[in-house]
C-alpha atoms as a PDB file:
ATOM      1  CA  UNK A   1     102.062 110.854  96.608  1.00  0.00           C
ATOM      2  CA  UNK A   2      99.669 112.328  94.098  1.00  0.00           C
ATOM      3  CA  UNK A   3      95.909 112.120  94.719  1.00  0.00           C
ATOM      4  CA  UNK A   4      94.233 109.516  92.512  1.00  0.00           C
ATOM      5  CA  UNK A   5      90.885 109.544  90.772  1.00  0.00           C
ATOM      6  CA  UNK A   6      90.953 113.287  90.038  1.00  0.00           C
ATOM      7  CA  UNK A   7      89.868 114.433  86.591  1.00  0.00           C
ATOM      8  CA  UNK A   8      90.896 117.818  85.244  1.00  0.00           C
ATOM      9  CA  UNK A   9      88.008 120.295  84.997  1.00  0.00           C
ATOM     10  CA  UNK A  10      87.579 123.841  83.739  1.00  0.00           C
ATOM     11  CA  UNK A  11      87.701 125.369  87.207  1.00  0.00           C
ATOM     12  CA  UNK A  12      91.153 123.826  87.753  1.00  0.00           C
ATOM     13  CA  UNK A  13      92.419 125.806  84.759  1.00  0.00           C
ATOM     14  CA  UNK A  14      91.187 129.212  85.926  1.00  0.00           C
ATOM     15  CA  UNK A  15      94.331 129.910  87.962  1.00  0.00           C
ATOM     16  CA  UNK A  16      96.857 127.953  85.871  1.00  0.00           C
ATOM     17  CA  UNK A  17      99.503 130.059  84.143  1.00  0.00           C
ATOM     18  CA  UNK A  18     100.479 127.300  81.698  1.00  0.00           C
ATOM     19  CA  UNK A  19      97.492 125.383  80.306  1.00  0.00           C
ATOM     20  CA  UNK A  20      99.523 123.092  78.072  1.00  0.00           C
ATOM     21  CA  UNK A  21      99.533 119.317  78.440  1.00  0.00           C
ATOM     22  CA  UNK A  22     100.925 116.173  76.848  1.00  0.00           C
ATOM     23  CA  UNK A  23      98.903 113.055  76.113  1.00  0.00           C
ATOM     24  CA  UNK A  24     100.879 110.295  77.805  1.00  0.00           C
ATOM     25  CA  UNK A  25      98.778 107.186  77.121  1.00  0.00           C
ATOM     26  CA  UNK A  26      96.598 106.042  74.247  1.00  0.00           C
ATOM     27  CA  UNK A  27      93.084 107.415  74.835  1.00  0.00           C
ATOM     28  CA  UNK A  28      90.320 104.882  75.427  1.00  0.00           C
ATOM     29  CA  UNK A  29      86.570 104.794  75.740  1.00  0.00           C
ATOM     30  CA  UNK A  30      85.292 103.611  79.129  1.00  0.00           C
ATOM     31  CA  UNK A  31      81.878 103.079  80.686  1.00  0.00           C
ATOM     32  CA  UNK A  32      81.470 105.652  83.475  1.00  0.00           C
ATOM     33  CA  UNK A  33      78.624 106.887  85.696  1.00  0.00           C
ATOM     34  CA  UNK A  34      76.444 109.545  84.046  1.00  0.00           C
ATOM     35  CA  UNK A  35      76.687 113.175  85.154  1.00  0.00           C
ATOM     36  CA  UNK A  36      72.928 113.616  85.529  1.00  0.00           C
ATOM     37  CA  UNK A  37      72.169 110.121  86.783  1.00  0.00           C
ATOM     38  CA  UNK A  38      75.045 108.197  88.395  1.00  0.00           C
ATOM     39  CA  UNK A  39      72.898 105.038  88.216  1.00  0.00           C
ATOM     40  CA  UNK A  40      73.268 105.072  84.420  1.00  0.00           C
ATOM     41  CA  UNK A  41      76.525 104.413  82.636  1.00  0.00           C
ATOM     42  CA  UNK A  42      77.719 106.342  79.613  1.00  0.00           C
ATOM     43  CA  UNK A  43      80.606 105.740  77.238  1.00  0.00           C
ATOM     44  CA  UNK A  44      83.245 108.481  77.589  1.00  0.00           C
ATOM     45  CA  UNK A  45      86.646 109.110  76.095  1.00  0.00           C
ATOM     46  CA  UNK A  46      89.324 109.128  78.819  1.00  0.00           C
ATOM     47  CA  UNK A  47      92.725 110.644  78.087  1.00  0.00           C
ATOM     48  CA  UNK A  48      95.674 110.447  80.498  1.00  0.00           C
ATOM     49  CA  UNK A  49      97.537 113.774  80.415  1.00  0.00           C
ATOM     50  CA  UNK A  50     100.632 115.306  81.996  1.00  0.00           C
ATOM     51  CA  UNK A  51     100.323 118.972  82.916  1.00  0.00           C
ATOM     52  CA  UNK A  52     103.138 121.499  82.587  1.00  0.00           C
ATOM     53  CA  UNK A  53     103.936 121.073  86.310  1.00  0.00           C
ATOM     54  CA  UNK A  54     104.294 117.288  85.916  1.00  0.00           C
ATOM     55  CA  UNK A  55     100.968 116.314  87.501  1.00  0.00           C
ATOM     56  CA  UNK A  56      99.202 113.443  85.712  1.00  0.00           C
ATOM     57  CA  UNK A  57      95.397 113.390  85.506  1.00  0.00           C
ATOM     58  CA  UNK A  58      92.586 111.909  83.460  1.00  0.00           C
ATOM     59  CA  UNK A  59      90.697 114.154  81.053  1.00  0.00           C
ATOM     60  CA  UNK A  60      87.230 113.639  79.563  1.00  0.00           C
ATOM     61  CA  UNK A  61      87.244 115.872  76.467  1.00  0.00           C
ATOM     62  CA  UNK A  62      84.066 117.401  75.089  1.00  0.00           C
ATOM     63  CA  UNK A  63      83.188 116.965  71.415  1.00  0.00           C
ATOM     64  CA  UNK A  64      84.777 120.311  70.486  1.00  0.00           C
ATOM     65  CA  UNK A  65      88.089 119.138  71.963  1.00  0.00           C
ATOM     66  CA  UNK A  66      87.897 115.726  70.292  1.00  0.00           C
ATOM     67  CA  UNK A  67      87.272 117.441  66.950  1.00  0.00           C
ATOM     68  CA  UNK A  68      90.325 119.689  67.465  1.00  0.00           C
ATOM     69  CA  UNK A  69      92.630 116.773  68.306  1.00  0.00           C
ATOM     70  CA  UNK A  70      91.349 114.886  65.250  1.00  0.00           C
ATOM     71  CA  UNK A  71      91.949 117.993  63.092  1.00  0.00           C
ATOM     72  CA  UNK A  72      95.543 118.237  64.355  1.00  0.00           C
ATOM     73  CA  UNK A  73      96.645 114.584  64.355  1.00  0.00           C
ATOM     74  CA  UNK A  74      93.961 112.467  62.678  1.00  0.00           C
ATOM     75  CA  UNK A  75      91.339 109.939  63.683  1.00  0.00           C
ATOM     76  CA  UNK A  76      93.794 107.330  65.015  1.00  0.00           C
ATOM     77  CA  UNK A  77      94.038 108.208  68.708  1.00  0.00           C
ATOM     78  CA  UNK A  78      97.315 106.321  69.177  1.00  0.00           C
ATOM     79  CA  UNK A  79      98.918 109.073  67.061  1.00  0.00           C
ATOM     80  CA  UNK A  80      97.925 111.682  69.646  1.00  0.00           C
ATOM     81  CA  UNK A  81     100.229 110.154  72.283  1.00  0.00           C
ATOM     82  CA  UNK A  82     103.273 112.276  73.049  1.00  0.00           C
ATOM     83  CA  UNK A  83     101.876 115.417  71.465  1.00  0.00           C
ATOM     84  CA  UNK A  84     101.429 118.723  73.249  1.00  0.00           C
ATOM     85  CA  UNK A  85      98.108 120.563  73.324  1.00  0.00           C
ATOM     86  CA  UNK A  86      96.732 123.604  75.117  1.00  0.00           C
ATOM     87  CA  UNK A  87      93.398 124.230  76.788  1.00  0.00           C
ATOM     88  CA  UNK A  88      91.405 127.425  76.530  1.00  0.00           C
ATOM     89  CA  UNK A  89      88.486 128.177  78.841  1.00  0.00           C
ATOM     90  CA  UNK A  90      85.202 130.041  78.546  1.00  0.00           C
ATOM     91  CA  UNK A  91      82.377 130.746  81.004  1.00  0.00           C
ATOM     92  CA  UNK A  92      79.030 129.463  79.759  1.00  0.00           C
ATOM     93  CA  UNK A  93      75.746 128.038  80.914  1.00  0.00           C
ATOM     94  CA  UNK A  94      76.052 124.264  81.050  1.00  0.00           C
ATOM     95  CA  UNK A  95      73.636 121.893  82.740  1.00  0.00           C
ATOM     96  CA  UNK A  96      71.629 124.846  84.077  1.00  0.00           C
ATOM     97  CA  UNK A  97      74.444 126.820  85.740  1.00  0.00           C
ATOM     98  CA  UNK A  98      77.378 129.014  84.763  1.00  0.00           C
ATOM     99  CA  UNK A  99      80.494 126.891  84.521  1.00  0.00           C
ATOM    100  CA  UNK A 100      84.064 127.178  83.308  1.00  0.00           C
ATOM    101  CA  UNK A 101      84.243 125.062  80.178  1.00  0.00           C
ATOM    102  CA  UNK A 102      87.589 123.843  78.901  1.00  0.00           C
ATOM    103  CA  UNK A 103      88.379 122.931  75.314  1.00  0.00           C
ATOM    104  CA  UNK A 104      91.476 122.111  73.274  1.00  0.00           C
ATOM    105  CA  UNK A 105      92.871 125.164  71.504  1.00  0.00           C
ATOM    106  CA  UNK A 106      93.583 125.306  67.766  1.00  0.00           C
ATOM    107  CA  UNK A 107      97.188 126.214  68.619  1.00  0.00           C
ATOM    108  CA  UNK A 108      99.500 123.461  67.354  1.00  0.00           C
ATOM    109  CA  UNK A 109     102.851 122.738  68.993  1.00  0.00           C
ATOM    110  CA  UNK A 110     105.951 121.060  67.593  1.00  0.00           C
ATOM    111  CA  UNK A 111     106.943 119.866  71.077  1.00  0.00           C
ATOM    112  CA  UNK A 112     106.899 116.153  71.770  1.00  0.00           C
ATOM    113  CA  UNK A 113     106.782 114.634  75.221  1.00  0.00           C
ATOM    114  CA  UNK A 114     110.054 113.432  76.719  1.00  0.00           C
ATOM    115  CA  UNK A 115     110.954 109.864  75.723  1.00  0.00           C
ATOM    116  CA  UNK A 116     110.237 108.419  79.179  1.00  0.00           C
ATOM    117  CA  UNK A 117     106.482 108.541  78.436  1.00  0.00           C
END
């Protein structure tokens, strides 16, 4: 069985050969604990994705990634479902420490997810 409750992060991508993914469920905004203060809740976009190896995880995109998905498929998030995207990564200072930041690439794919999604 696959571990639950895991969200994909930049450090997970550092060793991945294939950083492509499909969106398999309509994205939604959820109230989640804050990064800096878990006592506070913040509204975050949550996207269920399927990685190239078949693993399914949740993804909280940053604003750069949201902008790229909007540029590729429009503002209606239901139209993102089934489409293939790719992550790129960069090392940068975030929240006071060097981190691997992931973002959706400008590369556009013609691939659609298999019909069983």
